Amino acid sequence: MLDKPDASAAKVYRDYTQEQLDAQYNQLSIVGDNSGYKQRKIAESARVRAKLDSILNVAYGPSPHETLDVFKCNRPGAPTLVFLHGGAWKGGHKDEVSFIAEPYVDGGANVVTVNFALVPDVRLDEQVRQAAASIAWTYKNARDFGGDPERVFVTGHSSGGHLTGMMMVTDWTKFGVPANALKGGAPFSGMFDLEPVQLSWRNSYLKMNREEALALSSIRRIPDRPMPLVIGYGSGELDEFRRQSREFAAAWRARGYPCTEMELPGYNHFEVQQQMANPAGVIVPAVRRMMGL
């Protein structure tokens, strides 16, 4: 684990110096090379796309980035799980995360994997808007692919976990769907308060001011409407990532809302994503239960 904050140096956030805060928001500071994880998920995603019944590259918005894939379980009236990929808001693609769909389709759910424009081509608030538009599309079109519009859920990992948190605090009436269009969320290894992110090296490409960072912090916008939260992180993750998830879970529970929190022993940031598709692990059963499966 990273060294404890140095009491003799200037602090920029909590007890972190600039160097320490930057390390806390850099996964490679504890996982030196993540290329193997990426190669495995790309290969697994190609296998899953070839195996599952799917509708690929569906437009949900006007820009070329706004596309999604639907993986069908072919059970009438099934719930739908929308997956928002990670990649530090500036990387990743839906084609790299098709592997997530397999255990949920096998368990009786449809899965929608979403593509969206990346920073810095768009600002982060536009990425959040596109993610919300994909969920509104899913609600409006669920019956067309055999889903139940009243059972739409969202999950995501890393920066996709941040997006998932933002979906859980979205005013859905602004997207032409009912206020309760989303029935639950499951962010993993996410960020829910962007104040420290805005103060870290990541702001060299996010370019947020403080007002934007606070507006894009789901923990500061807990809704009045309850919905189930399943949230998780690895014990081998950065301290800040674990703190962020713990505090979001605590804020959710403080409102009396249902919350399942899990710390995955021994797993680092990238291994948590792999566990999101492991039917023998703890994540898949918890998310299936949230969906009533």
C-alpha atoms as a PDB file:
ATOM      1  CA  MET A   1       0.000   0.000   0.000  1.00  0.00           C
ATOM      2  CA  LEU A   2       1.123   3.583  -0.538  1.00  0.00           C
ATOM      3  CA  ASP A   3       3.133   5.460   2.056  1.00  0.00           C
ATOM      4  CA  LYS A   4       1.273   7.443   4.675  1.00  0.00           C
ATOM      5  CA  PRO A   5       0.989  11.206   4.133  1.00  0.00           C
ATOM      6  CA  ASP A   6       4.091  13.238   5.023  1.00  0.00           C
ATOM      7  CA  ALA A   7       3.247  15.640   7.838  1.00  0.00           C
ATOM      8  CA  SER A   8       6.076  17.997   6.830  1.00  0.00           C
ATOM      9  CA  ALA A   9       4.845  18.711   3.283  1.00  0.00           C
ATOM     10  CA  ALA A  10       2.043  20.976   2.105  1.00  0.00           C
ATOM     11  CA  LYS A  11      -1.364  19.301   2.031  1.00  0.00           C
ATOM     12  CA  VAL A  12      -3.714  19.763  -0.915  1.00  0.00           C
ATOM     13  CA  TYR A  13      -6.557  17.439   0.137  1.00  0.00           C
ATOM     14  CA  ARG A  14      -7.162  15.905   3.543  1.00  0.00           C
ATOM     15  CA  ASP A  15      -3.707  14.754   4.659  1.00  0.00           C
ATOM     16  CA  TYR A  16      -2.324  14.206   1.167  1.00  0.00           C
ATOM     17  CA  THR A  17       0.441  16.179  -0.470  1.00  0.00           C
ATOM     18  CA  GLN A  18       0.102  16.791  -4.215  1.00  0.00           C
ATOM     19  CA  GLU A  19       2.366  13.858  -5.012  1.00  0.00           C
ATOM     20  CA  GLN A  20       0.456  11.542  -2.700  1.00  0.00           C
ATOM     21  CA  LEU A  21      -2.944  12.645  -3.978  1.00  0.00           C
ATOM     22  CA  ASP A  22      -1.818  12.133  -7.567  1.00  0.00           C
ATOM     23  CA  ALA A  23      -0.698   8.604  -6.672  1.00  0.00           C
ATOM     24  CA  GLN A  24      -4.065   7.898  -5.016  1.00  0.00           C
ATOM     25  CA  TYR A  25      -5.823   8.579  -8.327  1.00  0.00           C
ATOM     26  CA  ASN A  26      -3.375   6.637 -10.484  1.00  0.00           C
ATOM     27  CA  GLN A  27      -4.079   2.900 -10.553  1.00  0.00           C
ATOM     28  CA  LEU A  28      -0.641   2.200 -11.991  1.00  0.00           C
ATOM     29  CA  SER A  29       0.907   3.470  -8.751  1.00  0.00           C
ATOM     30  CA  ILE A  30       0.102   0.059  -7.250  1.00  0.00           C
ATOM     31  CA  VAL A  31      -0.542  -2.020 -10.403  1.00  0.00           C
ATOM     32  CA  GLY A  32       2.441  -1.296 -12.586  1.00  0.00           C
ATOM     33  CA  ASP A  33       1.142  -2.884 -15.804  1.00  0.00           C
ATOM     34  CA  ASN A  34      -2.539  -3.389 -16.628  1.00  0.00           C
ATOM     35  CA  SER A  35      -2.051  -4.486 -20.237  1.00  0.00           C
ATOM     36  CA  GLY A  36      -2.680  -8.166 -19.462  1.00  0.00           C
ATOM     37  CA  TYR A  37      -6.077  -7.377 -17.922  1.00  0.00           C
ATOM     38  CA  LYS A  38      -7.052  -5.379 -20.998  1.00  0.00           C
ATOM     39  CA  GLN A  39      -5.975  -8.091 -23.426  1.00  0.00           C
ATOM     40  CA  ARG A  40      -7.984 -10.710 -21.533  1.00  0.00           C
ATOM     41  CA  LYS A  41     -11.173  -8.657 -21.443  1.00  0.00           C
ATOM     42  CA  ILE A  42     -10.928  -7.846 -25.169  1.00  0.00           C
ATOM     43  CA  ALA A  43     -10.503 -11.541 -26.024  1.00  0.00           C
ATOM     44  CA  GLU A  44     -13.348 -12.580 -23.709  1.00  0.00           C
ATOM     45  CA  SER A  45     -15.586  -9.856 -25.152  1.00  0.00           C
ATOM     46  CA  ALA A  46     -15.019 -11.118 -28.698  1.00  0.00           C
ATOM     47  CA  ARG A  47     -15.948 -14.621 -27.568  1.00  0.00           C
ATOM     48  CA  VAL A  48     -19.130 -13.417 -25.871  1.00  0.00           C
ATOM     49  CA  ARG A  49     -20.218 -11.329 -28.868  1.00  0.00           C
ATOM     50  CA  ALA A  50     -19.850 -14.410 -31.056  1.00  0.00           C
ATOM     51  CA  LYS A  51     -21.815 -16.562 -28.615  1.00  0.00           C
ATOM     52  CA  LEU A  52     -24.768 -14.488 -27.406  1.00  0.00           C
ATOM     53  CA  ASP A  53     -27.887 -13.394 -29.253  1.00  0.00           C
ATOM     54  CA  SER A  54     -27.326  -9.683 -29.721  1.00  0.00           C
ATOM     55  CA  ILE A  55     -28.283  -6.495 -31.505  1.00  0.00           C
ATOM     56  CA  LEU A  56     -25.088  -4.538 -32.089  1.00  0.00           C
ATOM     57  CA  ASN A  57     -24.228  -0.895 -32.712  1.00  0.00           C
ATOM     58  CA  VAL A  58     -27.670   0.572 -32.081  1.00  0.00           C
ATOM     59  CA  ALA A  59     -27.780   4.374 -32.110  1.00  0.00           C
ATOM     60  CA  TYR A  60     -29.280   5.941 -28.988  1.00  0.00           C
ATOM     61  CA  GLY A  61     -28.237   9.522 -29.794  1.00  0.00           C
ATOM     62  CA  PRO A  62     -27.149  11.739 -32.670  1.00  0.00           C
ATOM     63  CA  SER A  63     -23.348  11.534 -32.420  1.00  0.00           C
ATOM     64  CA  PRO A  64     -21.322   8.623 -33.829  1.00  0.00           C
ATOM     65  CA  HIS A  65     -20.154   7.783 -30.305  1.00  0.00           C
ATOM     66  CA  GLU A  66     -23.687   7.228 -28.984  1.00  0.00           C
ATOM     67  CA  THR A  67     -24.178   3.544 -29.733  1.00  0.00           C
ATOM     68  CA  LEU A  68     -24.962   0.483 -27.649  1.00  0.00           C
ATOM     69  CA  ASP A  69     -25.160  -3.297 -27.861  1.00  0.00           C
ATOM     70  CA  VAL A  70     -28.090  -5.348 -26.573  1.00  0.00           C
ATOM     71  CA  PHE A  71     -27.443  -8.915 -25.419  1.00  0.00           C
ATOM     72  CA  LYS A  72     -30.744 -10.779 -25.175  1.00  0.00           C
ATOM     73  CA  CYS A  73     -31.672 -13.550 -22.781  1.00  0.00           C
ATOM     74  CA  ASN A  74     -34.837 -14.276 -24.813  1.00  0.00           C
ATOM     75  CA  ARG A  75     -37.080 -14.491 -21.766  1.00  0.00           C
ATOM     76  CA  PRO A  76     -40.160 -12.274 -22.174  1.00  0.00           C
ATOM     77  CA  GLY A  77     -40.378  -9.459 -19.648  1.00  0.00           C
ATOM     78  CA  ALA A  78     -36.838  -9.925 -18.342  1.00  0.00           C
ATOM     79  CA  PRO A  79     -34.989  -7.184 -16.449  1.00  0.00           C
ATOM     80  CA  THR A  80     -32.241  -5.261 -18.218  1.00  0.00           C
ATOM     81  CA  LEU A  81     -28.819  -4.377 -16.830  1.00  0.00           C
ATOM     82  CA  VAL A  82     -27.049  -1.412 -18.449  1.00  0.00           C
ATOM     83  CA  PHE A  83     -23.235  -1.498 -18.197  1.00  0.00           C
ATOM     84  CA  LEU A  84     -21.151   1.703 -18.337  1.00  0.00           C
ATOM     85  CA  HIS A  85     -17.480   1.059 -19.085  1.00  0.00           C
ATOM     86  CA  GLY A  86     -14.500   2.593 -17.340  1.00  0.00           C
ATOM     87  CA  GLY A  87     -11.256   3.978 -18.673  1.00  0.00           C
ATOM     88  CA  ALA A  88     -10.571   7.123 -16.626  1.00  0.00           C
ATOM     89  CA  TRP A  89     -13.323   8.913 -18.635  1.00  0.00           C
ATOM     90  CA  LYS A  90     -10.853   9.178 -21.526  1.00  0.00           C
ATOM     91  CA  GLY A  91     -10.543   5.575 -22.719  1.00  0.00           C
ATOM     92  CA  GLY A  92     -12.453   2.373 -23.242  1.00  0.00           C
ATOM     93  CA  HIS A  93     -15.151   1.191 -25.632  1.00  0.00           C
ATOM     94  CA  LYS A  94     -18.272  -0.948 -25.404  1.00  0.00           C
ATOM     95  CA  ASP A  95     -16.665  -3.634 -27.585  1.00  0.00           C
ATOM     96  CA  GLU A  96     -14.090  -4.226 -24.821  1.00  0.00           C
ATOM     97  CA  VAL A  97     -16.684  -5.030 -22.148  1.00  0.00           C
ATOM     98  CA  SER A  98     -19.096  -7.452 -23.836  1.00  0.00           C
ATOM     99  CA  PHE A  99     -17.709 -10.126 -21.475  1.00  0.00           C
ATOM    100  CA  ILE A 100     -19.769  -8.587 -18.652  1.00  0.00           C
ATOM    101  CA  ALA A 101     -22.998  -9.739 -20.339  1.00  0.00           C
ATOM    102  CA  GLU A 102     -22.563 -13.516 -20.214  1.00  0.00           C
ATOM    103  CA  PRO A 103     -23.397 -14.372 -16.557  1.00  0.00           C
ATOM    104  CA  TYR A 104     -26.371 -12.014 -16.478  1.00  0.00           C
ATOM    105  CA  VAL A 105     -27.824 -13.262 -19.761  1.00  0.00           C
ATOM    106  CA  ASP A 106     -27.362 -16.814 -18.467  1.00  0.00           C
ATOM    107  CA  GLY A 107     -29.196 -15.755 -15.303  1.00  0.00           C
ATOM    108  CA  GLY A 108     -32.219 -14.363 -17.137  1.00  0.00           C
ATOM    109  CA  ALA A 109     -31.448 -10.692 -17.776  1.00  0.00           C
ATOM    110  CA  ASN A 110     -30.843  -8.663 -20.900  1.00  0.00           C
ATOM    111  CA  VAL A 111     -27.622  -6.649 -20.885  1.00  0.00           C
ATOM    112  CA  VAL A 112     -26.955  -3.344 -22.637  1.00  0.00           C
ATOM    113  CA  THR A 113     -23.329  -2.218 -23.003  1.00  0.00           C
ATOM    114  CA  VAL A 114     -22.943   1.458 -23.797  1.00  0.00           C
ATOM    115  CA  ASN A 115     -20.524   3.536 -25.821  1.00  0.00           C
ATOM    116  CA  PHE A 116     -20.193   7.288 -25.287  1.00  0.00           C
ATOM    117  CA  ALA A 117     -17.898  10.145 -26.233  1.00  0.00           C
ATOM    118  CA  LEU A 118     -14.693  10.431 -24.243  1.00  0.00           C
ATOM    119  CA  VAL A 119     -12.877  13.262 -22.536  1.00  0.00           C
ATOM    120  CA  PRO A 120     -11.323  15.516 -23.839  1.00  0.00           C
ATOM    121  CA  ASP A 121     -13.439  15.318 -27.008  1.00  0.00           C
ATOM    122  CA  VAL A 122     -16.377  16.221 -24.768  1.00  0.00           C
ATOM    123  CA  ARG A 123     -16.566  17.597 -21.263  1.00  0.00           C
ATOM    124  CA  LEU A 124     -17.445  15.238 -18.464  1.00  0.00           C
ATOM    125  CA  ASP A 125     -20.964  16.600 -18.018  1.00  0.00           C
ATOM    126  CA  GLU A 126     -21.695  15.658 -21.640  1.00  0.00           C
ATOM    127  CA  GLN A 127     -20.409  12.129 -21.035  1.00  0.00           C
ATOM    128  CA  VAL A 128     -22.780  11.901 -18.064  1.00  0.00           C
ATOM    129  CA  ARG A 129     -25.625  13.177 -20.253  1.00  0.00           C
ATOM    130  CA  GLN A 130     -24.917  10.554 -22.897  1.00  0.00           C
ATOM    131  CA  ALA A 131     -24.887   7.788 -20.286  1.00  0.00           C
ATOM    132  CA  ALA A 132     -28.283   8.985 -19.061  1.00  0.00           C
ATOM    133  CA  ALA A 133     -29.599   9.130 -22.621  1.00  0.00           C
ATOM    134  CA  SER A 134     -28.629   5.466 -23.080  1.00  0.00           C
ATOM    135  CA  ILE A 135     -30.678   4.479 -20.033  1.00  0.00           C
ATOM    136  CA  ALA A 136     -33.641   6.524 -21.232  1.00  0.00           C
ATOM    137  CA  TRP A 137     -33.342   4.726 -24.600  1.00  0.00           C
ATOM    138  CA  THR A 138     -33.283   1.387 -22.788  1.00  0.00           C
ATOM    139  CA  TYR A 139     -36.448   2.243 -20.878  1.00  0.00           C
ATOM    140  CA  LYS A 140     -38.261   3.405 -24.027  1.00  0.00           C
ATOM    141  CA  ASN A 141     -37.182   0.415 -26.152  1.00  0.00           C
ATOM    142  CA  ALA A 142     -37.068  -2.432 -23.630  1.00  0.00           C
ATOM    143  CA  ARG A 143     -40.179  -4.162 -24.950  1.00  0.00           C
ATOM    144  CA  ASP A 144     -38.687  -4.251 -28.452  1.00  0.00           C
ATOM    145  CA  PHE A 145     -35.916  -6.597 -27.293  1.00  0.00           C
ATOM    146  CA  GLY A 146     -38.026  -8.576 -24.833  1.00  0.00           C
ATOM    147  CA  GLY A 147     -37.321  -6.547 -21.702  1.00  0.00           C
ATOM    148  CA  ASP A 148     -39.527  -5.049 -19.024  1.00  0.00           C
ATOM    149  CA  PRO A 149     -39.180  -1.240 -18.986  1.00  0.00           C
ATOM    150  CA  GLU A 150     -40.107  -1.267 -15.310  1.00  0.00           C
ATOM    151  CA  ARG A 151     -36.996  -3.309 -14.474  1.00  0.00           C
ATOM    152  CA  VAL A 152     -34.009  -1.331 -15.748  1.00  0.00           C
ATOM    153  CA  PHE A 153     -30.818  -1.338 -13.655  1.00  0.00           C
ATOM    154  CA  VAL A 154     -27.320   0.083 -14.132  1.00  0.00           C
ATOM    155  CA  THR A 155     -23.811  -1.029 -13.249  1.00  0.00           C
ATOM    156  CA  GLY A 156     -20.305   0.156 -14.068  1.00  0.00           C
ATOM    157  CA  HIS A 157     -16.664  -0.037 -13.080  1.00  0.00           C
ATOM    158  CA  SER A 158     -14.092   2.667 -12.230  1.00  0.00           C
ATOM    159  CA  SER A 159     -15.031   5.847 -14.125  1.00  0.00           C
ATOM    160  CA  GLY A 160     -18.067   3.816 -15.197  1.00  0.00           C
ATOM    161  CA  GLY A 161     -18.723   3.453 -11.475  1.00  0.00           C
ATOM    162  CA  HIS A 162     -18.740   7.239 -11.251  1.00  0.00           C
ATOM    163  CA  LEU A 163     -21.211   7.369 -14.133  1.00  0.00           C
ATOM    164  CA  THR A 164     -23.339   4.728 -12.394  1.00  0.00           C
ATOM    165  CA  GLY A 165     -23.480   6.871  -9.269  1.00  0.00           C
ATOM    166  CA  MET A 166     -24.547   9.848 -11.368  1.00  0.00           C
ATOM    167  CA  MET A 167     -27.300   7.760 -12.975  1.00  0.00           C
ATOM    168  CA  MET A 168     -28.644   6.967  -9.522  1.00  0.00           C
ATOM    169  CA  VAL A 169     -29.113  10.675  -8.791  1.00  0.00           C
ATOM    170  CA  THR A 170     -30.433  11.686 -12.237  1.00  0.00           C
ATOM    171  CA  ASP A 171     -33.772  13.463 -12.699  1.00  0.00           C
ATOM    172  CA  TRP A 172     -35.209  11.110 -15.304  1.00  0.00           C
ATOM    173  CA  THR A 173     -38.129  13.372 -16.167  1.00  0.00           C
ATOM    174  CA  LYS A 174     -35.590  15.568 -18.010  1.00  0.00           C
ATOM    175  CA  PHE A 175     -35.026  12.626 -20.363  1.00  0.00           C
ATOM    176  CA  GLY A 176     -38.680  11.996 -21.129  1.00  0.00           C
ATOM    177  CA  VAL A 177     -39.103   8.945 -18.904  1.00  0.00           C
ATOM    178  CA  PRO A 178     -40.699   8.466 -15.466  1.00  0.00           C
ATOM    179  CA  ALA A 179     -38.869   9.629 -12.357  1.00  0.00           C
ATOM    180  CA  ASN A 180     -38.515   5.987 -11.298  1.00  0.00           C
ATOM    181  CA  ALA A 181     -37.276   4.708 -14.679  1.00  0.00           C
ATOM    182  CA  LEU A 182     -34.114   3.358 -13.035  1.00  0.00           C
ATOM    183  CA  LYS A 183     -34.737   0.712 -10.389  1.00  0.00           C
ATOM    184  CA  GLY A 184     -31.265   0.198  -8.902  1.00  0.00           C
ATOM    185  CA  GLY A 185     -27.536   0.633  -9.369  1.00  0.00           C
ATOM    186  CA  ALA A 186     -24.315  -1.289  -8.781  1.00  0.00           C
ATOM    187  CA  PRO A 187     -21.132   0.796  -9.038  1.00  0.00           C
ATOM    188  CA  PHE A 188     -17.803  -0.933  -8.472  1.00  0.00           C
ATOM    189  CA  SER A 189     -14.456   0.740  -7.767  1.00  0.00           C
ATOM    190  CA  GLY A 190     -16.044   4.084  -8.519  1.00  0.00           C
ATOM    191  CA  MET A 191     -15.636   7.726  -7.556  1.00  0.00           C
ATOM    192  CA  PHE A 192     -18.542   9.612  -6.058  1.00  0.00           C
ATOM    193  CA  ASP A 193     -16.902  12.868  -4.957  1.00  0.00           C
ATOM    194  CA  LEU A 194     -14.851  14.571  -7.664  1.00  0.00           C
ATOM    195  CA  GLU A 195     -13.337  17.248  -5.424  1.00  0.00           C
ATOM    196  CA  PRO A 196     -10.100  15.261  -4.894  1.00  0.00           C
ATOM    197  CA  VAL A 197     -10.121  14.210  -8.554  1.00  0.00           C
ATOM    198  CA  GLN A 198     -10.269  17.868  -9.595  1.00  0.00           C
ATOM    199  CA  LEU A 199      -7.288  18.573  -7.330  1.00  0.00           C
ATOM    200  CA  SER A 200      -5.275  15.651  -8.713  1.00  0.00           C
ATOM    201  CA  TRP A 201      -3.278  15.107 -11.899  1.00  0.00           C
ATOM    202  CA  ARG A 202      -6.431  13.825 -13.589  1.00  0.00           C
ATOM    203  CA  ASN A 203      -7.666  17.379 -13.960  1.00  0.00           C
ATOM    204  CA  SER A 204      -4.940  17.961 -16.548  1.00  0.00           C
ATOM    205  CA  TYR A 205      -7.349  16.341 -19.008  1.00  0.00           C
ATOM    206  CA  LEU A 206     -10.720  16.668 -17.237  1.00  0.00           C
ATOM    207  CA  LYS A 207     -10.226  20.440 -16.869  1.00  0.00           C
ATOM    208  CA  MET A 208     -13.023  20.806 -14.321  1.00  0.00           C
ATOM    209  CA  ASN A 209     -13.443  23.820 -12.115  1.00  0.00           C
ATOM    210  CA  ARG A 210     -14.578  23.329  -8.532  1.00  0.00           C
ATOM    211  CA  GLU A 211     -18.222  24.045  -9.354  1.00  0.00           C
ATOM    212  CA  GLU A 212     -18.250  21.395 -12.089  1.00  0.00           C
ATOM    213  CA  ALA A 213     -16.540  18.855  -9.852  1.00  0.00           C
ATOM    214  CA  LEU A 214     -19.109  19.295  -7.096  1.00  0.00           C
ATOM    215  CA  ALA A 215     -22.026  19.180  -9.554  1.00  0.00           C
ATOM    216  CA  LEU A 216     -20.693  15.866 -10.908  1.00  0.00           C
ATOM    217  CA  SER A 217     -20.344  14.342  -7.424  1.00  0.00           C
ATOM    218  CA  SER A 218     -23.199  11.914  -6.793  1.00  0.00           C
ATOM    219  CA  ILE A 219     -22.559  11.798  -3.055  1.00  0.00           C
ATOM    220  CA  ARG A 220     -23.613  15.451  -2.883  1.00  0.00           C
ATOM    221  CA  ARG A 221     -26.901  14.729  -4.672  1.00  0.00           C
ATOM    222  CA  ILE A 222     -28.458  11.756  -2.869  1.00  0.00           C
ATOM    223  CA  PRO A 223     -32.055  11.625  -4.192  1.00  0.00           C
ATOM    224  CA  ASP A 224     -35.272  11.613  -2.202  1.00  0.00           C
ATOM    225  CA  ARG A 225     -36.393   8.445  -3.985  1.00  0.00           C
ATOM    226  CA  PRO A 226     -35.025   5.190  -2.539  1.00  0.00           C
ATOM    227  CA  MET A 227     -33.577   2.472  -4.728  1.00  0.00           C
ATOM    228  CA  PRO A 228     -31.255  -0.460  -4.000  1.00  0.00           C
ATOM    229  CA  LEU A 229     -27.513   0.080  -4.166  1.00  0.00           C
ATOM    230  CA  VAL A 230     -24.962  -2.721  -4.581  1.00  0.00           C
ATOM    231  CA  ILE A 231     -21.453  -1.332  -4.201  1.00  0.00           C
ATOM    232  CA  GLY A 232     -18.049  -2.942  -4.068  1.00  0.00           C
ATOM    233  CA  TYR A 233     -14.289  -2.451  -4.161  1.00  0.00           C
ATOM    234  CA  GLY A 234     -11.175  -4.547  -3.704  1.00  0.00           C
ATOM    235  CA  SER A 235      -9.095  -4.662  -0.547  1.00  0.00           C
ATOM    236  CA  GLY A 236      -6.078  -4.278  -2.846  1.00  0.00           C
ATOM    237  CA  GLU A 237      -7.310  -0.981  -4.302  1.00  0.00           C
ATOM    238  CA  LEU A 238      -6.010   2.491  -3.595  1.00  0.00           C
ATOM    239  CA  ASP A 239      -7.061   3.929  -0.231  1.00  0.00           C
ATOM    240  CA  GLU A 240      -9.015   6.766  -1.855  1.00  0.00           C
ATOM    241  CA  PHE A 241     -11.037   4.436  -4.066  1.00  0.00           C
ATOM    242  CA  ARG A 242     -12.000   2.336  -1.060  1.00  0.00           C
ATOM    243  CA  ARG A 243     -12.874   5.448   0.959  1.00  0.00           C
ATOM    244  CA  GLN A 244     -15.022   6.856  -1.829  1.00  0.00           C
ATOM    245  CA  SER A 245     -17.120   3.682  -2.053  1.00  0.00           C
ATOM    246  CA  ARG A 246     -17.432   3.356   1.706  1.00  0.00           C
ATOM    247  CA  GLU A 247     -18.619   6.937   2.103  1.00  0.00           C
ATOM    248  CA  PHE A 248     -21.131   6.654  -0.739  1.00  0.00           C
ATOM    249  CA  ALA A 249     -22.521   3.484   0.830  1.00  0.00           C
ATOM    250  CA  ALA A 250     -22.729   5.239   4.210  1.00  0.00           C
ATOM    251  CA  ALA A 251     -24.548   8.216   2.669  1.00  0.00           C
ATOM    252  CA  TRP A 252     -27.011   5.846   0.994  1.00  0.00           C
ATOM    253  CA  ARG A 253     -27.676   3.953   4.220  1.00  0.00           C
ATOM    254  CA  ALA A 254     -28.030   7.227   6.149  1.00  0.00           C
ATOM    255  CA  ARG A 255     -31.137   7.948   4.065  1.00  0.00           C
ATOM    256  CA  GLY A 256     -32.539   4.545   4.987  1.00  0.00           C
ATOM    257  CA  TYR A 257     -32.075   3.170   1.470  1.00  0.00           C
ATOM    258  CA  PRO A 258     -31.190  -0.499   0.830  1.00  0.00           C
ATOM    259  CA  CYS A 259     -27.449  -1.012   0.410  1.00  0.00           C
ATOM    260  CA  THR A 260     -25.260  -4.068  -0.092  1.00  0.00           C
ATOM    261  CA  GLU A 261     -21.596  -3.179   0.402  1.00  0.00           C
ATOM    262  CA  MET A 262     -18.804  -5.630  -0.314  1.00  0.00           C
ATOM    263  CA  GLU A 263     -15.039  -5.461   0.010  1.00  0.00           C
ATOM    264  CA  LEU A 264     -13.428  -8.116  -2.170  1.00  0.00           C
ATOM    265  CA  PRO A 265     -10.443  -9.555  -0.324  1.00  0.00           C
ATOM    266  CA  GLY A 266      -7.137  -9.415  -2.143  1.00  0.00           C
ATOM    267  CA  TYR A 267      -8.444  -7.982  -5.428  1.00  0.00           C
ATOM    268  CA  ASN A 268      -6.929  -4.935  -7.102  1.00  0.00           C
ATOM    269  CA  HIS A 269      -8.811  -2.440  -9.253  1.00  0.00           C
ATOM    270  CA  PHE A 270      -8.603  -4.416 -12.482  1.00  0.00           C
ATOM    271  CA  GLU A 271      -9.356  -7.742 -10.840  1.00  0.00           C
ATOM    272  CA  VAL A 272     -12.607  -6.301  -9.463  1.00  0.00           C
ATOM    273  CA  GLN A 273     -13.785  -5.755 -13.036  1.00  0.00           C
ATOM    274  CA  GLN A 274     -12.972  -9.365 -13.877  1.00  0.00           C
ATOM    275  CA  GLN A 275     -15.037 -10.468 -10.883  1.00  0.00           C
ATOM    276  CA  MET A 276     -18.026  -8.569 -12.261  1.00  0.00           C
ATOM    277  CA  ALA A 277     -18.404 -11.406 -14.789  1.00  0.00           C
ATOM    278  CA  ASN A 278     -17.590 -14.318 -12.466  1.00  0.00           C
ATOM    279  CA  PRO A 279     -20.788 -16.253 -11.680  1.00  0.00           C
ATOM    280  CA  ALA A 280     -18.966 -18.122  -8.890  1.00  0.00           C
ATOM    281  CA  GLY A 281     -17.936 -14.893  -7.153  1.00  0.00           C
ATOM    282  CA  VAL A 282     -19.955 -12.563  -4.932  1.00  0.00           C
ATOM    283  CA  ILE A 283     -20.712  -9.704  -7.350  1.00  0.00           C
ATOM    284  CA  VAL A 284     -22.840 -11.511  -9.933  1.00  0.00           C
ATOM    285  CA  PRO A 285     -25.213 -13.108  -7.377  1.00  0.00           C
ATOM    286  CA  ALA A 286     -25.618  -9.767  -5.551  1.00  0.00           C
ATOM    287  CA  VAL A 287     -26.468  -7.894  -8.747  1.00  0.00           C
ATOM    288  CA  ARG A 288     -28.836 -10.657  -9.833  1.00  0.00           C
ATOM    289  CA  ARG A 289     -30.624 -10.400  -6.474  1.00  0.00           C
ATOM    290  CA  MET A 290     -30.959  -6.650  -6.930  1.00  0.00           C
ATOM    291  CA  MET A 291     -32.730  -7.382 -10.226  1.00  0.00           C
ATOM    292  CA  GLY A 292     -35.013  -9.943  -8.615  1.00  0.00           C
ATOM    293  CA  LEU A 293     -33.377 -12.964 -10.246  1.00  0.00           C
END
